[in-house]
Amino acid sequence: MKKATKYFSIFVALCVLQNTTSYSLHNNKQPNQNDRLHTAKVDRRTSILAVGSFLSSSVVTFSTTYAALASDSGPSEQVSLSQKYAYENRNRNKNKDALIRDDVWYFSGQQPPRSIDVTNLPPGPTWNAWGTCSTDSSTGNSCTYVSLKQKIPAYSNYAFTISLGSKEYSELGSKLQSLSSSNANISDSQIVELLQYLQTSENKSTPSPAIDAQLKMVLFAAAVLTSPNYTGPPFELLIARFYINELNFSTKEIINAIQSKDLERAVGAWEFGKDSWNSYFTIVNKAILPKVGDKFLLIR
């Protein structure tokens, strides 16, 4: 019924287009070239408006029918993985298993959204131990000001490892999604290949880039977000730590899902981790100026 209604709407819309164009041609017996161009432009705009109005009214007309059909045939859309695997609502157990305990949730009980954007970042502090924070057009808030001398060494030490970890995590997601969409049984060799992205291999002593990057993310955020003019950890740093902990959880969940050969859960956990990577990048990218280096690229 839904498909029939959709096709009927498209058919009527095409009729509107055809009738409008036909009307303009029959009512202009011998137009010159300029008249033809002008008439075509006007008719096209009129047709688009007519189709838009019709489709809008069609949605209203058939909304009741859609609701009635939904009650008989079940939901029209499947639940997304982000809804099915809403890891942001899990029990955090007082951050006992977190990579770094002291994040914004542990300190204040506040839980940032699963994905954060620049407009949702909190304002900086307005006072410190020495009084009110001063403001300047060039440096901004003195309590959040971090000098280039502090940022540049941190970027040199940690940015490459963080970027490499992000790239490896993105490659892991592509392979998980490809295997999941094929609906084929995952082999033992494929499990070993996937786990190499998140575990230390037997012939290597260093952790994989996606895991090694997480500790570097903690150190980098502390260096570029902590001002010597503010005595406590800034709120942005606590939020950055929160997303690092979310990423750390997601990697553990991905490992468990792969070992259980549950590819759907692995993809769901990967998407959760992707949101955590991107939220972290959103926060620290604000502190990365051109003189410091390139901003981190978000995972798509």
C-alpha atoms as a PDB file:
ATOM      1  CA  MET A   1       0.000   0.000   0.000  1.00  0.00           C
ATOM      2  CA  LYS A   2       2.860   2.367   0.825  1.00  0.00           C
ATOM      3  CA  LYS A   3       4.616   1.714  -2.473  1.00  0.00           C
ATOM      4  CA  ALA A   4       1.370   2.115  -4.441  1.00  0.00           C
ATOM      5  CA  THR A   5       0.663   5.454  -2.745  1.00  0.00           C
ATOM      6  CA  LYS A   6       4.260   6.609  -3.402  1.00  0.00           C
ATOM      7  CA  TYR A   7       4.048   5.673  -7.105  1.00  0.00           C
ATOM      8  CA  PHE A   8       0.652   7.359  -7.389  1.00  0.00           C
ATOM      9  CA  SER A   9       2.108  10.580  -5.941  1.00  0.00           C
ATOM     10  CA  ILE A  10       4.992  10.494  -8.423  1.00  0.00           C
ATOM     11  CA  PHE A  11       2.598   9.818 -11.319  1.00  0.00           C
ATOM     12  CA  VAL A  12       0.365  12.764 -10.442  1.00  0.00           C
ATOM     13  CA  ALA A  13       3.429  14.980  -9.994  1.00  0.00           C
ATOM     14  CA  LEU A  14       4.622  14.088 -13.486  1.00  0.00           C
ATOM     15  CA  CYS A  15       1.160  14.841 -14.827  1.00  0.00           C
ATOM     16  CA  VAL A  16       1.352  18.292 -13.237  1.00  0.00           C
ATOM     17  CA  LEU A  17       4.687  18.888 -14.967  1.00  0.00           C
ATOM     18  CA  GLN A  18       3.382  17.656 -18.322  1.00  0.00           C
ATOM     19  CA  ASN A  19       0.145  19.632 -18.160  1.00  0.00           C
ATOM     20  CA  THR A  20       1.902  22.825 -17.144  1.00  0.00           C
ATOM     21  CA  THR A  21       4.422  22.571 -19.987  1.00  0.00           C
ATOM     22  CA  SER A  22       1.728  21.610 -22.499  1.00  0.00           C
ATOM     23  CA  TYR A  23      -0.430  24.541 -21.416  1.00  0.00           C
ATOM     24  CA  SER A  24       2.387  27.005 -21.951  1.00  0.00           C
ATOM     25  CA  LEU A  25       3.105  25.668 -25.464  1.00  0.00           C
ATOM     26  CA  HIS A  26      -0.530  25.663 -26.636  1.00  0.00           C
ATOM     27  CA  ASN A  27      -1.119  29.217 -25.459  1.00  0.00           C
ATOM     28  CA  ASN A  28       1.897  30.640 -27.332  1.00  0.00           C
ATOM     29  CA  LYS A  29       1.351  29.970 -31.010  1.00  0.00           C
ATOM     30  CA  GLN A  30       4.439  31.527 -32.545  1.00  0.00           C
ATOM     31  CA  PRO A  31       6.810  32.714 -29.820  1.00  0.00           C
ATOM     32  CA  ASN A  32      10.255  33.961 -30.674  1.00  0.00           C
ATOM     33  CA  GLN A  33      13.461  32.519 -29.119  1.00  0.00           C
ATOM     34  CA  ASN A  34      13.514  34.923 -26.133  1.00  0.00           C
ATOM     35  CA  ASP A  35       9.852  34.295 -25.447  1.00  0.00           C
ATOM     36  CA  ARG A  36      10.485  30.544 -25.465  1.00  0.00           C
ATOM     37  CA  LEU A  37      13.331  30.812 -22.975  1.00  0.00           C
ATOM     38  CA  HIS A  38      11.369  33.101 -20.685  1.00  0.00           C
ATOM     39  CA  THR A  39       8.262  30.890 -20.876  1.00  0.00           C
ATOM     40  CA  ALA A  40      10.311  27.761 -20.136  1.00  0.00           C
ATOM     41  CA  LYS A  41      11.900  29.344 -17.054  1.00  0.00           C
ATOM     42  CA  VAL A  42       8.558  30.589 -15.719  1.00  0.00           C
ATOM     43  CA  ASP A  43       6.796  27.313 -16.416  1.00  0.00           C
ATOM     44  CA  ARG A  44       9.575  25.309 -14.796  1.00  0.00           C
ATOM     45  CA  ARG A  45       9.414  27.397 -11.632  1.00  0.00           C
ATOM     46  CA  THR A  46       5.617  27.114 -11.624  1.00  0.00           C
ATOM     47  CA  SER A  47       5.808  23.352 -12.116  1.00  0.00           C
ATOM     48  CA  ILE A  48       8.298  22.890  -9.301  1.00  0.00           C
ATOM     49  CA  LEU A  49       6.101  24.907  -6.954  1.00  0.00           C
ATOM     50  CA  ALA A  50       3.060  22.922  -8.015  1.00  0.00           C
ATOM     51  CA  VAL A  51       4.806  19.590  -7.469  1.00  0.00           C
ATOM     52  CA  GLY A  52       6.137  20.743  -4.096  1.00  0.00           C
ATOM     53  CA  SER A  53       2.678  21.825  -2.982  1.00  0.00           C
ATOM     54  CA  PHE A  54       1.175  18.577  -4.179  1.00  0.00           C
ATOM     55  CA  LEU A  55       3.733  16.368  -2.475  1.00  0.00           C
ATOM     56  CA  SER A  56       3.314  18.319   0.761  1.00  0.00           C
ATOM     57  CA  SER A  57      -0.441  17.858   0.626  1.00  0.00           C
ATOM     58  CA  SER A  58       0.026  14.178  -0.227  1.00  0.00           C
ATOM     59  CA  VAL A  59       2.012  13.651   2.952  1.00  0.00           C
ATOM     60  CA  VAL A  60      -0.826  15.174   4.972  1.00  0.00           C
ATOM     61  CA  THR A  61      -3.525  13.284   3.067  1.00  0.00           C
ATOM     62  CA  PHE A  62      -1.960   9.865   3.454  1.00  0.00           C
ATOM     63  CA  SER A  63      -0.424  10.263   6.938  1.00  0.00           C
ATOM     64  CA  THR A  64      -3.477   8.735   8.575  1.00  0.00           C
ATOM     65  CA  THR A  65      -3.354   5.821   6.156  1.00  0.00           C
ATOM     66  CA  TYR A  66       0.331   5.245   6.871  1.00  0.00           C
ATOM     67  CA  ALA A  67      -0.334   5.213  10.612  1.00  0.00           C
ATOM     68  CA  ALA A  68      -3.122   2.660  10.166  1.00  0.00           C
ATOM     69  CA  LEU A  69      -0.964   0.442   7.987  1.00  0.00           C
ATOM     70  CA  ALA A  70       1.931   0.626  10.425  1.00  0.00           C
ATOM     71  CA  SER A  71      -0.219  -0.821  13.165  1.00  0.00           C
ATOM     72  CA  ASP A  72      -1.030  -3.810  10.935  1.00  0.00           C
ATOM     73  CA  SER A  73       2.283  -4.503   9.195  1.00  0.00           C
ATOM     74  CA  GLY A  74       4.761  -3.467  11.912  1.00  0.00           C
ATOM     75  CA  PRO A  75       7.377  -0.683  11.880  1.00  0.00           C
ATOM     76  CA  SER A  76       8.408   0.589   8.450  1.00  0.00           C
ATOM     77  CA  GLU A  77      12.029   1.194   9.403  1.00  0.00           C
ATOM     78  CA  GLN A  78      14.524  -1.005  11.168  1.00  0.00           C
ATOM     79  CA  VAL A  79      16.125   0.114  14.403  1.00  0.00           C
ATOM     80  CA  SER A  80      19.544   1.624  13.696  1.00  0.00           C
ATOM     81  CA  LEU A  81      22.679   0.151  15.219  1.00  0.00           C
ATOM     82  CA  SER A  82      23.207   3.298  17.293  1.00  0.00           C
ATOM     83  CA  GLN A  83      19.780   2.728  18.854  1.00  0.00           C
ATOM     84  CA  LYS A  84      20.168  -1.019  19.238  1.00  0.00           C
ATOM     85  CA  TYR A  85      23.628  -0.698  20.769  1.00  0.00           C
ATOM     86  CA  ALA A  86      23.185   2.468  22.834  1.00  0.00           C
ATOM     87  CA  TYR A  87      26.400   2.001  24.791  1.00  0.00           C
ATOM     88  CA  GLU A  88      26.222   5.571  26.068  1.00  0.00           C
ATOM     89  CA  ASN A  89      23.475   4.389  28.463  1.00  0.00           C
ATOM     90  CA  ARG A  90      25.560   1.628  30.048  1.00  0.00           C
ATOM     91  CA  ASN A  91      26.495   1.334  33.719  1.00  0.00           C
ATOM     92  CA  ARG A  92      29.931   2.955  34.052  1.00  0.00           C
ATOM     93  CA  ASN A  93      30.591   1.366  37.452  1.00  0.00           C
ATOM     94  CA  LYS A  94      32.192   4.513  38.898  1.00  0.00           C
ATOM     95  CA  ASN A  95      34.750   4.529  36.055  1.00  0.00           C
ATOM     96  CA  LYS A  96      36.572   1.563  37.612  1.00  0.00           C
ATOM     97  CA  ASP A  97      37.308   0.137  34.164  1.00  0.00           C
ATOM     98  CA  ALA A  98      37.951   3.477  32.465  1.00  0.00           C
ATOM     99  CA  LEU A  99      41.292   4.391  30.927  1.00  0.00           C
ATOM    100  CA  ILE A 100      41.399   7.553  33.054  1.00  0.00           C
ATOM    101  CA  ARG A 101      39.029   7.871  35.976  1.00  0.00           C
ATOM    102  CA  ASP A 102      38.834  11.648  36.282  1.00  0.00           C
ATOM    103  CA  ASP A 103      36.518  12.744  33.482  1.00  0.00           C
ATOM    104  CA  VAL A 104      33.495  15.033  33.444  1.00  0.00           C
ATOM    105  CA  TRP A 105      31.060  12.227  34.308  1.00  0.00           C
ATOM    106  CA  TYR A 106      33.120  11.133  37.324  1.00  0.00           C
ATOM    107  CA  PHE A 107      33.583  14.677  38.646  1.00  0.00           C
ATOM    108  CA  SER A 108      30.120  16.123  38.069  1.00  0.00           C
ATOM    109  CA  GLY A 109      27.789  13.284  37.106  1.00  0.00           C
ATOM    110  CA  GLN A 110      27.111  15.119  33.833  1.00  0.00           C
ATOM    111  CA  GLN A 111      27.070  12.953  30.720  1.00  0.00           C
ATOM    112  CA  PRO A 112      27.859  14.652  27.400  1.00  0.00           C
ATOM    113  CA  PRO A 113      25.931  13.542  24.304  1.00  0.00           C
ATOM    114  CA  ARG A 114      27.121  10.605  22.251  1.00  0.00           C
ATOM    115  CA  SER A 115      28.366  13.057  19.609  1.00  0.00           C
ATOM    116  CA  ILE A 116      29.363  16.625  20.359  1.00  0.00           C
ATOM    117  CA  ASP A 117      29.788  19.597  18.052  1.00  0.00           C
ATOM    118  CA  VAL A 118      31.500  22.955  18.440  1.00  0.00           C
ATOM    119  CA  THR A 119      28.286  24.761  19.379  1.00  0.00           C
ATOM    120  CA  ASN A 120      27.781  22.427  22.351  1.00  0.00           C
ATOM    121  CA  LEU A 121      31.181  23.023  23.931  1.00  0.00           C
ATOM    122  CA  PRO A 122      30.968  24.679  27.360  1.00  0.00           C
ATOM    123  CA  PRO A 123      32.291  28.186  28.015  1.00  0.00           C
ATOM    124  CA  GLY A 124      35.638  28.599  29.725  1.00  0.00           C
ATOM    125  CA  PRO A 125      36.120  29.601  33.377  1.00  0.00           C
ATOM    126  CA  THR A 126      35.525  33.215  34.382  1.00  0.00           C
ATOM    127  CA  TRP A 127      37.746  33.291  37.452  1.00  0.00           C
ATOM    128  CA  ASN A 128      40.749  31.557  39.002  1.00  0.00           C
ATOM    129  CA  ALA A 129      42.767  31.653  42.217  1.00  0.00           C
ATOM    130  CA  TRP A 130      44.077  35.119  41.381  1.00  0.00           C
ATOM    131  CA  GLY A 131      40.738  36.718  40.600  1.00  0.00           C
ATOM    132  CA  THR A 132      38.641  37.347  37.521  1.00  0.00           C
ATOM    133  CA  CYS A 133      39.958  36.017  34.214  1.00  0.00           C
ATOM    134  CA  SER A 134      41.070  38.814  31.903  1.00  0.00           C
ATOM    135  CA  THR A 135      39.972  38.901  28.268  1.00  0.00           C
ATOM    136  CA  ASP A 136      41.853  40.169  25.252  1.00  0.00           C
ATOM    137  CA  SER A 137      40.918  40.256  21.577  1.00  0.00           C
ATOM    138  CA  SER A 138      44.136  38.469  20.560  1.00  0.00           C
ATOM    139  CA  THR A 139      44.423  35.823  23.292  1.00  0.00           C
ATOM    140  CA  GLY A 140      40.821  35.535  24.448  1.00  0.00           C
ATOM    141  CA  ASN A 141      40.160  34.195  27.948  1.00  0.00           C
ATOM    142  CA  SER A 142      43.372  34.297  29.992  1.00  0.00           C
ATOM    143  CA  CYS A 143      42.262  31.266  32.035  1.00  0.00           C
ATOM    144  CA  THR A 144      42.045  29.118  28.896  1.00  0.00           C
ATOM    145  CA  TYR A 145      45.018  30.605  27.049  1.00  0.00           C
ATOM    146  CA  VAL A 146      47.694  28.056  26.145  1.00  0.00           C
ATOM    147  CA  SER A 147      50.890  29.315  24.514  1.00  0.00           C
ATOM    148  CA  LEU A 148      52.344  27.985  21.268  1.00  0.00           C
ATOM    149  CA  LYS A 149      55.433  26.929  23.227  1.00  0.00           C
ATOM    150  CA  GLN A 150      53.223  24.471  25.074  1.00  0.00           C
ATOM    151  CA  LYS A 151      51.146  23.286  22.108  1.00  0.00           C
ATOM    152  CA  ILE A 152      53.837  22.732  19.467  1.00  0.00           C
ATOM    153  CA  PRO A 153      55.909  20.130  21.388  1.00  0.00           C
ATOM    154  CA  ALA A 154      52.745  18.237  22.316  1.00  0.00           C
ATOM    155  CA  TYR A 155      51.639  18.156  18.694  1.00  0.00           C
ATOM    156  CA  SER A 156      55.076  16.958  17.585  1.00  0.00           C
ATOM    157  CA  ASN A 157      55.073  14.174  20.175  1.00  0.00           C
ATOM    158  CA  TYR A 158      51.535  12.835  19.888  1.00  0.00           C
ATOM    159  CA  ALA A 159      49.708  13.977  16.743  1.00  0.00           C
ATOM    160  CA  PHE A 160      51.226  11.398  14.378  1.00  0.00           C
ATOM    161  CA  THR A 161      50.365   8.459  16.657  1.00  0.00           C
ATOM    162  CA  ILE A 162      46.828   9.755  17.169  1.00  0.00           C
ATOM    163  CA  SER A 163      46.284  10.223  13.431  1.00  0.00           C
ATOM    164  CA  LEU A 164      47.661   6.754  12.678  1.00  0.00           C
ATOM    165  CA  GLY A 165      45.378   5.211  15.290  1.00  0.00           C
ATOM    166  CA  SER A 166      42.396   6.999  13.761  1.00  0.00           C
ATOM    167  CA  LYS A 167      43.320   5.734  10.304  1.00  0.00           C
ATOM    168  CA  GLU A 168      43.687   2.150  11.517  1.00  0.00           C
ATOM    169  CA  TYR A 169      40.365   2.369  13.344  1.00  0.00           C
ATOM    170  CA  SER A 170      38.710   3.594  10.157  1.00  0.00           C
ATOM    171  CA  GLU A 171      40.167   0.660   8.187  1.00  0.00           C
ATOM    172  CA  LEU A 172      38.874  -1.744  10.820  1.00  0.00           C
ATOM    173  CA  GLY A 173      35.381  -0.294  10.431  1.00  0.00           C
ATOM    174  CA  SER A 174      35.463  -0.746   6.648  1.00  0.00           C
ATOM    175  CA  LYS A 175      36.390  -4.428   7.021  1.00  0.00           C
ATOM    176  CA  LEU A 176      33.769  -5.051   9.698  1.00  0.00           C
ATOM    177  CA  GLN A 177      31.030  -3.446   7.606  1.00  0.00           C
ATOM    178  CA  SER A 178      32.079  -5.398   4.516  1.00  0.00           C
ATOM    179  CA  LEU A 179      32.015  -8.722   6.363  1.00  0.00           C
ATOM    180  CA  SER A 180      28.746  -7.887   8.087  1.00  0.00           C
ATOM    181  CA  SER A 181      26.991  -6.961   4.828  1.00  0.00           C
ATOM    182  CA  SER A 182      28.114 -10.191   3.136  1.00  0.00           C
ATOM    183  CA  ASN A 183      26.272 -12.293   5.766  1.00  0.00           C
ATOM    184  CA  ALA A 184      29.013 -14.915   5.511  1.00  0.00           C
ATOM    185  CA  ASN A 185      30.407 -16.850   8.432  1.00  0.00           C
ATOM    186  CA  ILE A 186      33.615 -15.295   9.711  1.00  0.00           C
ATOM    187  CA  SER A 187      36.637 -17.590   9.618  1.00  0.00           C
ATOM    188  CA  ASP A 188      39.328 -17.983  12.274  1.00  0.00           C
ATOM    189  CA  SER A 189      41.888 -16.331  10.013  1.00  0.00           C
ATOM    190  CA  GLN A 190      39.599 -13.314   9.563  1.00  0.00           C
ATOM    191  CA  ILE A 191      39.182 -13.051  13.324  1.00  0.00           C
ATOM    192  CA  VAL A 192      42.967 -12.953  13.747  1.00  0.00           C
ATOM    193  CA  GLU A 193      43.247 -10.288  11.046  1.00  0.00           C
ATOM    194  CA  LEU A 194      40.577  -8.092  12.643  1.00  0.00           C
ATOM    195  CA  LEU A 195      41.964  -8.430  16.155  1.00  0.00           C
ATOM    196  CA  GLN A 196      45.368  -7.202  14.998  1.00  0.00           C
ATOM    197  CA  TYR A 197      43.857  -3.723  14.786  1.00  0.00           C
ATOM    198  CA  LEU A 198      43.078  -3.733  18.511  1.00  0.00           C
ATOM    199  CA  GLN A 199      45.468  -6.164  20.156  1.00  0.00           C
ATOM    200  CA  THR A 200      49.219  -6.555  20.517  1.00  0.00           C
ATOM    201  CA  SER A 201      50.370  -9.287  18.167  1.00  0.00           C
ATOM    202  CA  GLU A 202      52.525 -12.132  19.435  1.00  0.00           C
ATOM    203  CA  ASN A 203      55.604 -11.016  17.518  1.00  0.00           C
ATOM    204  CA  LYS A 204      55.350  -7.384  18.602  1.00  0.00           C
ATOM    205  CA  SER A 205      55.824  -5.765  21.981  1.00  0.00           C
ATOM    206  CA  THR A 206      54.095  -2.469  21.157  1.00  0.00           C
ATOM    207  CA  PRO A 207      50.316  -2.080  21.149  1.00  0.00           C
ATOM    208  CA  SER A 208      48.411  -1.541  17.923  1.00  0.00           C
ATOM    209  CA  PRO A 209      48.137   2.111  16.758  1.00  0.00           C
ATOM    210  CA  ALA A 210      44.426   2.304  17.605  1.00  0.00           C
ATOM    211  CA  ILE A 211      45.184   1.304  21.199  1.00  0.00           C
ATOM    212  CA  ASP A 212      48.444   3.215  21.569  1.00  0.00           C
ATOM    213  CA  ALA A 213      46.699   6.365  20.379  1.00  0.00           C
ATOM    214  CA  GLN A 214      44.329   6.391  23.354  1.00  0.00           C
ATOM    215  CA  LEU A 215      47.010   7.131  25.940  1.00  0.00           C
ATOM    216  CA  LYS A 216      48.524   9.712  23.589  1.00  0.00           C
ATOM    217  CA  MET A 217      45.092  11.322  23.319  1.00  0.00           C
ATOM    218  CA  VAL A 218      45.025  11.768  27.103  1.00  0.00           C
ATOM    219  CA  LEU A 219      48.463  13.395  27.125  1.00  0.00           C
ATOM    220  CA  PHE A 220      47.777  15.574  24.092  1.00  0.00           C
ATOM    221  CA  ALA A 221      44.487  16.923  25.457  1.00  0.00           C
ATOM    222  CA  ALA A 222      46.126  17.799  28.781  1.00  0.00           C
ATOM    223  CA  ALA A 223      48.908  19.690  26.985  1.00  0.00           C
ATOM    224  CA  VAL A 224      46.804  21.745  24.567  1.00  0.00           C
ATOM    225  CA  LEU A 225      43.786  22.416  26.793  1.00  0.00           C
ATOM    226  CA  THR A 226      45.371  23.143  30.191  1.00  0.00           C
ATOM    227  CA  SER A 227      46.348  26.743  30.829  1.00  0.00           C
ATOM    228  CA  PRO A 228      49.018  27.674  33.408  1.00  0.00           C
ATOM    229  CA  ASN A 229      46.670  30.494  34.391  1.00  0.00           C
ATOM    230  CA  TYR A 230      44.002  28.108  35.677  1.00  0.00           C
ATOM    231  CA  THR A 231      44.647  25.913  38.704  1.00  0.00           C
ATOM    232  CA  GLY A 232      42.142  23.123  38.052  1.00  0.00           C
ATOM    233  CA  PRO A 233      41.486  20.852  35.057  1.00  0.00           C
ATOM    234  CA  PRO A 234      39.454  22.826  32.500  1.00  0.00           C
ATOM    235  CA  PHE A 235      35.991  21.602  31.673  1.00  0.00           C
ATOM    236  CA  GLU A 236      36.929  20.899  28.054  1.00  0.00           C
ATOM    237  CA  LEU A 237      39.729  18.612  29.209  1.00  0.00           C
ATOM    238  CA  LEU A 238      37.323  16.637  31.376  1.00  0.00           C
ATOM    239  CA  ILE A 239      34.974  16.247  28.407  1.00  0.00           C
ATOM    240  CA  ALA A 240      37.846  15.150  26.155  1.00  0.00           C
ATOM    241  CA  ARG A 241      38.755  12.499  28.726  1.00  0.00           C
ATOM    242  CA  PHE A 242      35.146  11.330  28.753  1.00  0.00           C
ATOM    243  CA  TYR A 243      35.258  10.591  25.027  1.00  0.00           C
ATOM    244  CA  ILE A 244      38.602   8.842  25.373  1.00  0.00           C
ATOM    245  CA  ASN A 245      36.997   6.571  27.957  1.00  0.00           C
ATOM    246  CA  GLU A 246      34.072   5.961  25.593  1.00  0.00           C
ATOM    247  CA  LEU A 247      36.518   5.012  22.844  1.00  0.00           C
ATOM    248  CA  ASN A 248      38.415   2.732  25.205  1.00  0.00           C
ATOM    249  CA  PHE A 249      35.182   0.946  26.096  1.00  0.00           C
ATOM    250  CA  SER A 250      34.225   0.563  22.439  1.00  0.00           C
ATOM    251  CA  THR A 251      37.518  -1.127  21.550  1.00  0.00           C
ATOM    252  CA  LYS A 252      37.017  -3.684  24.330  1.00  0.00           C
ATOM    253  CA  GLU A 253      33.471  -4.294  23.127  1.00  0.00           C
ATOM    254  CA  ILE A 254      34.632  -4.743  19.537  1.00  0.00           C
ATOM    255  CA  ILE A 255      37.208  -7.331  20.645  1.00  0.00           C
ATOM    256  CA  ASN A 256      34.577  -9.296  22.575  1.00  0.00           C
ATOM    257  CA  ALA A 257      32.143  -9.145  19.646  1.00  0.00           C
ATOM    258  CA  ILE A 258      34.755 -10.316  17.116  1.00  0.00           C
ATOM    259  CA  GLN A 259      35.815 -13.200  19.349  1.00  0.00           C
ATOM    260  CA  SER A 260      32.136 -14.164  19.639  1.00  0.00           C
ATOM    261  CA  LYS A 261      31.754 -13.855  15.838  1.00  0.00           C
ATOM    262  CA  ASP A 262      28.972 -11.313  16.352  1.00  0.00           C
ATOM    263  CA  LEU A 263      29.681  -8.935  13.484  1.00  0.00           C
ATOM    264  CA  GLU A 264      26.565  -6.824  13.961  1.00  0.00           C
ATOM    265  CA  ARG A 265      27.535  -6.046  17.556  1.00  0.00           C
ATOM    266  CA  ALA A 266      31.106  -5.363  16.427  1.00  0.00           C
ATOM    267  CA  VAL A 267      29.878  -2.829  13.868  1.00  0.00           C
ATOM    268  CA  GLY A 268      27.592  -1.236  16.459  1.00  0.00           C
ATOM    269  CA  ALA A 269      30.485  -0.879  18.901  1.00  0.00           C
ATOM    270  CA  TRP A 270      32.715   0.455  16.121  1.00  0.00           C
ATOM    271  CA  GLU A 271      30.186   3.170  15.263  1.00  0.00           C
ATOM    272  CA  PHE A 272      30.022   4.113  18.928  1.00  0.00           C
ATOM    273  CA  GLY A 273      33.812   4.426  18.984  1.00  0.00           C
ATOM    274  CA  LYS A 274      33.769   6.457  15.770  1.00  0.00           C
ATOM    275  CA  ASP A 275      31.471   9.001  17.430  1.00  0.00           C
ATOM    276  CA  SER A 276      33.893   9.140  20.372  1.00  0.00           C
ATOM    277  CA  TRP A 277      36.915   9.721  18.097  1.00  0.00           C
ATOM    278  CA  ASN A 278      35.117  12.532  16.270  1.00  0.00           C
ATOM    279  CA  SER A 279      33.880  14.175  19.465  1.00  0.00           C
ATOM    280  CA  TYR A 280      37.408  14.184  20.866  1.00  0.00           C
ATOM    281  CA  PHE A 281      38.731  15.692  17.632  1.00  0.00           C
ATOM    282  CA  THR A 282      36.028  18.363  17.753  1.00  0.00           C
ATOM    283  CA  ILE A 283      37.287  19.490  21.150  1.00  0.00           C
ATOM    284  CA  VAL A 284      41.052  19.455  20.577  1.00  0.00           C
ATOM    285  CA  ASN A 285      40.887  20.813  17.017  1.00  0.00           C
ATOM    286  CA  LYS A 286      39.829  24.155  18.477  1.00  0.00           C
ATOM    287  CA  ALA A 287      43.242  24.397  20.135  1.00  0.00           C
ATOM    288  CA  ILE A 288      45.229  23.497  17.003  1.00  0.00           C
ATOM    289  CA  LEU A 289      46.273  26.673  15.195  1.00  0.00           C
ATOM    290  CA  PRO A 290      47.989  26.709  11.767  1.00  0.00           C
ATOM    291  CA  LYS A 291      51.320  27.413  13.452  1.00  0.00           C
ATOM    292  CA  VAL A 292      50.858  24.257  15.519  1.00  0.00           C
ATOM    293  CA  GLY A 293      49.904  21.860  12.737  1.00  0.00           C
ATOM    294  CA  ASP A 294      46.995  20.400  10.774  1.00  0.00           C
ATOM    295  CA  LYS A 295      43.733  19.681  12.524  1.00  0.00           C
ATOM    296  CA  PHE A 296      42.689  16.050  12.916  1.00  0.00           C
ATOM    297  CA  LEU A 297      40.420  14.644  10.221  1.00  0.00           C
ATOM    298  CA  LEU A 298      37.112  13.192  11.379  1.00  0.00           C
ATOM    299  CA  ILE A 299      36.347   9.534  10.691  1.00  0.00           C
ATOM    300  CA  ARG A 300      33.666   9.138   8.045  1.00  0.00           C
END
